[in-house]
Amino acid sequence: MAKSENAEARDWITGLEPGTWFWSKNVPGSRQIVHPVLSRLHDDKSSGVQRIAKGLYWRGWPEGHECFPLPPNYGIGGLLLAGAGAGFADWTALNKLRWTTQRPCKVLISVLGTPPKSPHPTVVYKSRKNQRRSELNWTEVTILEAVGACWMTEEPWHECLERFRNGISMRRLPWQARIRSEKLRWAAETEDDVSVESLHLVQEVSSAVGEMAAV
């Protein structure tokens, strides 16, 4: 017997790997079917499904699992909501790349234009104007942010660069994304506070990409 639309939508959601982020628009079925199914799963705390923001959900661990009820990584949720050109910002960028040992009490995320509603009180958006960032991935934007904020860190620049080369910086990011040196330098040219010094630092990071240890 063929599955009902309700069952198909529910099975798709509960069949996702625990720890998966997903958009309601990607769930198979019509909106009239999918939204009530998501609502019921969200209300059923044992399902592990959580609504983070409008249209954005997290498939957590079901009741009885050793990780239940592990909360979602709101930093990732914040990046997803921020759209193209997003990345960790300021102190968070420095900490994520291990360019500082100081950990900010909130997750700072850069966003192009008007920020969306934060998915959680621990996530704070920082608006940026450089439209070239829209062609960069999260890693590349985070690097631009860290370079722009490196004057705040207690770590000497040569040590920050070495952590980048030996793979420590990239291993601390919760995803894997290719770093394109040309794109990084191109975007750096129109940063809000671009200077000869900042362009030189970006050039040094770009040159170190080929020397990076495997992550």
C-alpha atoms as a PDB file:
ATOM      1  CA  MET A   1       0.000   0.000   0.000  1.00  0.00           C
ATOM      2  CA  ALA A   2       1.320   3.430  -0.937  1.00  0.00           C
ATOM      3  CA  LYS A   3       2.287   5.736   1.911  1.00  0.00           C
ATOM      4  CA  SER A   4       0.048   8.667   2.742  1.00  0.00           C
ATOM      5  CA  GLU A   5       1.517  12.155   2.255  1.00  0.00           C
ATOM      6  CA  ASN A   6       1.557  12.573   6.043  1.00  0.00           C
ATOM      7  CA  ALA A   7       3.537   9.373   6.500  1.00  0.00           C
ATOM      8  CA  GLU A   8       5.935  10.231   3.693  1.00  0.00           C
ATOM      9  CA  ALA A   9       6.692  13.646   5.176  1.00  0.00           C
ATOM     10  CA  ARG A  10       7.077  12.237   8.692  1.00  0.00           C
ATOM     11  CA  ASP A  11       9.340   9.391   7.559  1.00  0.00           C
ATOM     12  CA  TRP A  12      11.528  11.804   5.584  1.00  0.00           C
ATOM     13  CA  ILE A  13      12.023  14.016   8.641  1.00  0.00           C
ATOM     14  CA  THR A  14      12.575  11.253  11.196  1.00  0.00           C
ATOM     15  CA  GLY A  15      14.845   9.455   8.741  1.00  0.00           C
ATOM     16  CA  LEU A  16      17.329  12.321   8.745  1.00  0.00           C
ATOM     17  CA  GLU A  17      20.624  11.755  10.518  1.00  0.00           C
ATOM     18  CA  PRO A  18      20.483  13.210  14.047  1.00  0.00           C
ATOM     19  CA  GLY A  19      22.199  16.596  14.090  1.00  0.00           C
ATOM     20  CA  THR A  20      20.911  17.537  10.612  1.00  0.00           C
ATOM     21  CA  TRP A  21      19.629  21.005   9.746  1.00  0.00           C
ATOM     22  CA  PHE A  22      16.833  21.237   7.197  1.00  0.00           C
ATOM     23  CA  TRP A  23      14.351  23.667   5.666  1.00  0.00           C
ATOM     24  CA  SER A  24      10.631  22.965   5.675  1.00  0.00           C
ATOM     25  CA  LYS A  25      10.542  23.682   1.922  1.00  0.00           C
ATOM     26  CA  ASN A  26      12.733  20.617   1.330  1.00  0.00           C
ATOM     27  CA  VAL A  27      10.375  18.180   3.039  1.00  0.00           C
ATOM     28  CA  PRO A  28       8.431  16.199   0.396  1.00  0.00           C
ATOM     29  CA  GLY A  29       4.741  17.063   0.229  1.00  0.00           C
ATOM     30  CA  SER A  30       2.500  20.077  -0.045  1.00  0.00           C
ATOM     31  CA  ARG A  31       2.716  22.926   2.421  1.00  0.00           C
ATOM     32  CA  GLN A  32      -0.703  22.006   3.803  1.00  0.00           C
ATOM     33  CA  ILE A  33       0.644  18.547   4.692  1.00  0.00           C
ATOM     34  CA  VAL A  34       4.216  19.348   5.728  1.00  0.00           C
ATOM     35  CA  HIS A  35       3.552  22.197   8.164  1.00  0.00           C
ATOM     36  CA  PRO A  36       1.117  20.262  10.411  1.00  0.00           C
ATOM     37  CA  VAL A  37       3.508  17.283  10.442  1.00  0.00           C
ATOM     38  CA  LEU A  38       6.390  19.545  11.499  1.00  0.00           C
ATOM     39  CA  SER A  39       4.215  21.179  14.128  1.00  0.00           C
ATOM     40  CA  ARG A  40       3.277  17.814  15.651  1.00  0.00           C
ATOM     41  CA  LEU A  41       6.875  16.602  15.668  1.00  0.00           C
ATOM     42  CA  HIS A  42       8.049  19.831  17.249  1.00  0.00           C
ATOM     43  CA  ASP A  43       5.413  19.540  19.980  1.00  0.00           C
ATOM     44  CA  ASP A  44       6.427  15.930  20.578  1.00  0.00           C
ATOM     45  CA  LYS A  45       9.621  16.511  22.585  1.00  0.00           C
ATOM     46  CA  SER A  46      10.583  12.862  22.263  1.00  0.00           C
ATOM     47  CA  SER A  47      11.023  13.252  18.470  1.00  0.00           C
ATOM     48  CA  GLY A  48      14.093  15.457  18.785  1.00  0.00           C
ATOM     49  CA  VAL A  49      12.778  17.795  16.051  1.00  0.00           C
ATOM     50  CA  GLN A  50      13.145  21.485  16.914  1.00  0.00           C
ATOM     51  CA  ARG A  51      11.939  24.614  15.128  1.00  0.00           C
ATOM     52  CA  ILE A  52      14.791  27.137  15.184  1.00  0.00           C
ATOM     53  CA  ALA A  53      13.318  29.923  13.043  1.00  0.00           C
ATOM     54  CA  LYS A  54      10.717  30.394  10.344  1.00  0.00           C
ATOM     55  CA  GLY A  55      11.268  27.541   7.892  1.00  0.00           C
ATOM     56  CA  LEU A  56      14.445  26.259   9.610  1.00  0.00           C
ATOM     57  CA  TYR A  57      14.466  23.064  11.689  1.00  0.00           C
ATOM     58  CA  TRP A  58      16.978  20.836  13.449  1.00  0.00           C
ATOM     59  CA  ARG A  59      16.648  17.074  13.561  1.00  0.00           C
ATOM     60  CA  GLY A  60      17.961  16.240  16.999  1.00  0.00           C
ATOM     61  CA  TRP A  61      18.265  12.931  18.795  1.00  0.00           C
ATOM     62  CA  PRO A  62      15.078  11.032  19.671  1.00  0.00           C
ATOM     63  CA  GLU A  63      14.161  10.220  23.241  1.00  0.00           C
ATOM     64  CA  GLY A  64      16.185   7.318  24.609  1.00  0.00           C
ATOM     65  CA  HIS A  65      19.310   8.164  22.616  1.00  0.00           C
ATOM     66  CA  GLU A  66      22.472   8.805  24.647  1.00  0.00           C
ATOM     67  CA  CYS A  67      22.678  12.348  23.213  1.00  0.00           C
ATOM     68  CA  PHE A  68      19.060  13.263  23.986  1.00  0.00           C
ATOM     69  CA  PRO A  69      18.297  16.148  24.564  1.00  0.00           C
ATOM     70  CA  LEU A  70      21.538  17.669  23.169  1.00  0.00           C
ATOM     71  CA  PRO A  71      20.724  21.220  21.977  1.00  0.00           C
ATOM     72  CA  PRO A  72      21.466  22.345  18.422  1.00  0.00           C
ATOM     73  CA  ASN A  73      24.504  24.410  17.470  1.00  0.00           C
ATOM     74  CA  TYR A  74      22.816  27.803  17.245  1.00  0.00           C
ATOM     75  CA  GLY A  75      25.890  29.261  15.565  1.00  0.00           C
ATOM     76  CA  ILE A  76      25.290  27.041  12.542  1.00  0.00           C
ATOM     77  CA  GLY A  77      21.602  27.902  12.608  1.00  0.00           C
ATOM     78  CA  GLY A  78      22.526  31.573  12.644  1.00  0.00           C
ATOM     79  CA  LEU A  79      24.810  31.155   9.648  1.00  0.00           C
ATOM     80  CA  LEU A  80      22.115  29.334   7.685  1.00  0.00           C
ATOM     81  CA  LEU A  81      19.597  32.089   8.396  1.00  0.00           C
ATOM     82  CA  ALA A  82      22.100  34.802   7.468  1.00  0.00           C
ATOM     83  CA  GLY A  83      22.225  33.641   3.845  1.00  0.00           C
ATOM     84  CA  ALA A  84      24.947  34.264   1.265  1.00  0.00           C
ATOM     85  CA  GLY A  85      28.049  36.064   2.455  1.00  0.00           C
ATOM     86  CA  ALA A  86      27.758  35.035   6.095  1.00  0.00           C
ATOM     87  CA  GLY A  87      30.564  33.982   8.390  1.00  0.00           C
ATOM     88  CA  PHE A  88      31.692  34.161  11.998  1.00  0.00           C
ATOM     89  CA  ALA A  89      32.548  37.742  12.975  1.00  0.00           C
ATOM     90  CA  ASP A  90      35.027  39.670  15.125  1.00  0.00           C
ATOM     91  CA  TRP A  91      35.969  37.852  18.357  1.00  0.00           C
ATOM     92  CA  THR A  92      34.094  34.708  17.324  1.00  0.00           C
ATOM     93  CA  ALA A  93      36.078  34.539  14.072  1.00  0.00           C
ATOM     94  CA  LEU A  94      39.343  34.965  15.970  1.00  0.00           C
ATOM     95  CA  ASN A  95      38.395  32.267  18.465  1.00  0.00           C
ATOM     96  CA  LYS A  96      37.166  29.814  15.828  1.00  0.00           C
ATOM     97  CA  LEU A  97      40.470  30.073  13.942  1.00  0.00           C
ATOM     98  CA  ARG A  98      42.346  29.772  17.268  1.00  0.00           C
ATOM     99  CA  TRP A  99      43.831  33.227  16.738  1.00  0.00           C
ATOM    100  CA  THR A 100      42.849  34.066  20.292  1.00  0.00           C
ATOM    101  CA  THR A 101      42.201  32.042  23.428  1.00  0.00           C
ATOM    102  CA  GLN A 102      39.466  34.463  24.518  1.00  0.00           C
ATOM    103  CA  ARG A 103      36.009  33.050  23.943  1.00  0.00           C
ATOM    104  CA  PRO A 104      33.177  35.546  23.437  1.00  0.00           C
ATOM    105  CA  CYS A 105      30.048  35.004  25.514  1.00  0.00           C
ATOM    106  CA  LYS A 106      27.905  35.304  22.374  1.00  0.00           C
ATOM    107  CA  VAL A 107      28.313  33.942  18.845  1.00  0.00           C
ATOM    108  CA  LEU A 108      28.958  36.884  16.509  1.00  0.00           C
ATOM    109  CA  ILE A 109      27.915  36.360  12.883  1.00  0.00           C
ATOM    110  CA  SER A 110      28.449  38.729   9.960  1.00  0.00           C
ATOM    111  CA  VAL A 111      25.571  39.209   7.542  1.00  0.00           C
ATOM    112  CA  LEU A 112      25.161  41.242   4.376  1.00  0.00           C
ATOM    113  CA  GLY A 113      22.553  43.944   4.732  1.00  0.00           C
ATOM    114  CA  THR A 114      19.667  43.707   7.186  1.00  0.00           C
ATOM    115  CA  PRO A 115      20.145  40.891   9.727  1.00  0.00           C
ATOM    116  CA  PRO A 116      17.427  38.254  10.151  1.00  0.00           C
ATOM    117  CA  LYS A 117      15.821  37.595  13.511  1.00  0.00           C
ATOM    118  CA  SER A 118      18.318  35.831  15.729  1.00  0.00           C
ATOM    119  CA  PRO A 119      17.504  32.144  16.322  1.00  0.00           C
ATOM    120  CA  HIS A 120      18.709  32.344  19.922  1.00  0.00           C
ATOM    121  CA  PRO A 121      19.808  34.991  22.475  1.00  0.00           C
ATOM    122  CA  THR A 122      23.390  33.717  22.218  1.00  0.00           C
ATOM    123  CA  VAL A 123      23.581  34.662  18.508  1.00  0.00           C
ATOM    124  CA  VAL A 124      24.278  38.290  17.548  1.00  0.00           C
ATOM    125  CA  TYR A 125      24.401  39.534  13.962  1.00  0.00           C
ATOM    126  CA  LYS A 126      26.839  42.142  12.672  1.00  0.00           C
ATOM    127  CA  SER A 127      25.818  43.885   9.445  1.00  0.00           C
ATOM    128  CA  ARG A 128      28.394  44.275   6.671  1.00  0.00           C
ATOM    129  CA  LYS A 129      28.314  46.138   3.330  1.00  0.00           C
ATOM    130  CA  ASN A 130      30.912  44.386   1.154  1.00  0.00           C
ATOM    131  CA  GLN A 131      28.730  42.730  -1.498  1.00  0.00           C
ATOM    132  CA  ARG A 132      31.659  40.702  -2.832  1.00  0.00           C
ATOM    133  CA  ARG A 133      31.271  38.526   0.250  1.00  0.00           C
ATOM    134  CA  SER A 134      28.120  37.054  -1.338  1.00  0.00           C
ATOM    135  CA  GLU A 135      30.417  34.936  -3.510  1.00  0.00           C
ATOM    136  CA  LEU A 136      32.424  33.593  -0.573  1.00  0.00           C
ATOM    137  CA  ASN A 137      31.735  30.600   1.660  1.00  0.00           C
ATOM    138  CA  TRP A 138      31.583  30.626   5.458  1.00  0.00           C
ATOM    139  CA  THR A 139      35.272  29.821   5.839  1.00  0.00           C
ATOM    140  CA  GLU A 140      36.422  32.606   3.528  1.00  0.00           C
ATOM    141  CA  VAL A 141      34.211  35.207   5.218  1.00  0.00           C
ATOM    142  CA  THR A 142      35.388  34.062   8.654  1.00  0.00           C
ATOM    143  CA  ILE A 143      39.005  34.533   7.525  1.00  0.00           C
ATOM    144  CA  LEU A 144      38.269  38.075   6.295  1.00  0.00           C
ATOM    145  CA  GLU A 145      36.621  38.851   9.627  1.00  0.00           C
ATOM    146  CA  ALA A 146      39.525  37.435  11.620  1.00  0.00           C
ATOM    147  CA  VAL A 147      42.083  39.388   9.598  1.00  0.00           C
ATOM    148  CA  GLY A 148      40.083  42.573  10.120  1.00  0.00           C
ATOM    149  CA  ALA A 149      39.938  41.949  13.862  1.00  0.00           C
ATOM    150  CA  CYS A 150      43.444  40.554  14.402  1.00  0.00           C
ATOM    151  CA  TRP A 151      44.570  43.799  16.025  1.00  0.00           C
ATOM    152  CA  MET A 152      42.401  42.839  19.037  1.00  0.00           C
ATOM    153  CA  THR A 153      44.073  39.502  19.732  1.00  0.00           C
ATOM    154  CA  GLU A 154      46.863  38.863  22.199  1.00  0.00           C
ATOM    155  CA  GLU A 155      48.498  36.406  19.791  1.00  0.00           C
ATOM    156  CA  PRO A 156      51.369  37.567  17.525  1.00  0.00           C
ATOM    157  CA  TRP A 157      50.551  37.478  13.812  1.00  0.00           C
ATOM    158  CA  HIS A 158      53.231  34.930  12.924  1.00  0.00           C
ATOM    159  CA  GLU A 159      51.667  32.444  15.370  1.00  0.00           C
ATOM    160  CA  CYS A 160      48.181  33.019  13.934  1.00  0.00           C
ATOM    161  CA  LEU A 161      49.550  32.366  10.462  1.00  0.00           C
ATOM    162  CA  GLU A 162      51.316  29.219  11.640  1.00  0.00           C
ATOM    163  CA  ARG A 163      48.093  27.855  13.146  1.00  0.00           C
ATOM    164  CA  PHE A 164      46.505  28.412   9.767  1.00  0.00           C
ATOM    165  CA  ARG A 165      49.335  26.610   7.934  1.00  0.00           C
ATOM    166  CA  ASN A 166      49.441  23.597  10.240  1.00  0.00           C
ATOM    167  CA  GLY A 167      45.686  22.995  10.012  1.00  0.00           C
ATOM    168  CA  ILE A 168      44.726  23.954  13.582  1.00  0.00           C
ATOM    169  CA  SER A 169      42.538  26.836  12.410  1.00  0.00           C
ATOM    170  CA  MET A 170      40.578  24.795   9.879  1.00  0.00           C
ATOM    171  CA  ARG A 171      40.071  21.852  12.225  1.00  0.00           C
ATOM    172  CA  ARG A 172      38.261  24.157  14.635  1.00  0.00           C
ATOM    173  CA  LEU A 173      35.576  25.074  12.104  1.00  0.00           C
ATOM    174  CA  PRO A 174      32.456  22.837  12.236  1.00  0.00           C
ATOM    175  CA  TRP A 175      32.436  22.285   8.457  1.00  0.00           C
ATOM    176  CA  GLN A 176      34.827  21.792   5.566  1.00  0.00           C
ATOM    177  CA  ALA A 177      34.910  24.365   2.773  1.00  0.00           C
ATOM    178  CA  ARG A 178      37.524  25.080   0.132  1.00  0.00           C
ATOM    179  CA  ILE A 179      39.511  28.304   0.484  1.00  0.00           C
ATOM    180  CA  ARG A 180      39.909  30.084  -2.849  1.00  0.00           C
ATOM    181  CA  SER A 181      42.864  32.448  -2.600  1.00  0.00           C
ATOM    182  CA  GLU A 182      41.846  34.524  -5.611  1.00  0.00           C
ATOM    183  CA  LYS A 183      38.315  35.070  -4.313  1.00  0.00           C
ATOM    184  CA  LEU A 184      39.629  35.920  -0.859  1.00  0.00           C
ATOM    185  CA  ARG A 185      41.965  38.618  -2.177  1.00  0.00           C
ATOM    186  CA  TRP A 186      39.285  39.942  -4.542  1.00  0.00           C
ATOM    187  CA  ALA A 187      36.755  40.344  -1.734  1.00  0.00           C
ATOM    188  CA  ALA A 188      39.352  41.909   0.575  1.00  0.00           C
ATOM    189  CA  GLU A 189      39.782  44.820  -1.864  1.00  0.00           C
ATOM    190  CA  THR A 190      36.323  46.204  -1.022  1.00  0.00           C
ATOM    191  CA  GLU A 191      36.133  45.491   2.709  1.00  0.00           C
ATOM    192  CA  ASP A 192      34.647  48.296   4.820  1.00  0.00           C
ATOM    193  CA  ASP A 193      37.958  49.177   6.501  1.00  0.00           C
ATOM    194  CA  VAL A 194      40.350  48.107   3.768  1.00  0.00           C
ATOM    195  CA  SER A 195      43.946  49.268   4.134  1.00  0.00           C
ATOM    196  CA  VAL A 196      47.345  48.446   2.699  1.00  0.00           C
ATOM    197  CA  GLU A 197      48.132  46.507   5.871  1.00  0.00           C
ATOM    198  CA  SER A 198      44.925  44.449   5.800  1.00  0.00           C
ATOM    199  CA  LEU A 199      45.450  43.580   2.130  1.00  0.00           C
ATOM    200  CA  HIS A 200      48.981  42.458   2.971  1.00  0.00           C
ATOM    201  CA  LEU A 201      47.707  40.198   5.761  1.00  0.00           C
ATOM    202  CA  VAL A 202      45.089  38.659   3.463  1.00  0.00           C
ATOM    203  CA  GLN A 203      47.825  38.095   0.892  1.00  0.00           C
ATOM    204  CA  GLU A 204      49.890  36.249   3.489  1.00  0.00           C
ATOM    205  CA  VAL A 205      46.935  34.034   4.413  1.00  0.00           C
ATOM    206  CA  SER A 206      46.223  33.380   0.726  1.00  0.00           C
ATOM    207  CA  SER A 207      49.829  32.390   0.118  1.00  0.00           C
ATOM    208  CA  ALA A 208      49.654  29.987   3.057  1.00  0.00           C
ATOM    209  CA  VAL A 209      46.643  28.107   1.628  1.00  0.00           C
ATOM    210  CA  GLY A 210      48.864  25.843  -0.456  1.00  0.00           C
ATOM    211  CA  GLU A 211      51.009  25.096   2.593  1.00  0.00           C
ATOM    212  CA  MET A 212      48.130  24.046   4.838  1.00  0.00           C
ATOM    213  CA  ALA A 213      48.438  20.732   6.613  1.00  0.00           C
ATOM    214  CA  ALA A 214      45.681  18.222   5.886  1.00  0.00           C
ATOM    215  CA  VAL A 215      42.612  18.873   8.033  1.00  0.00           C
END
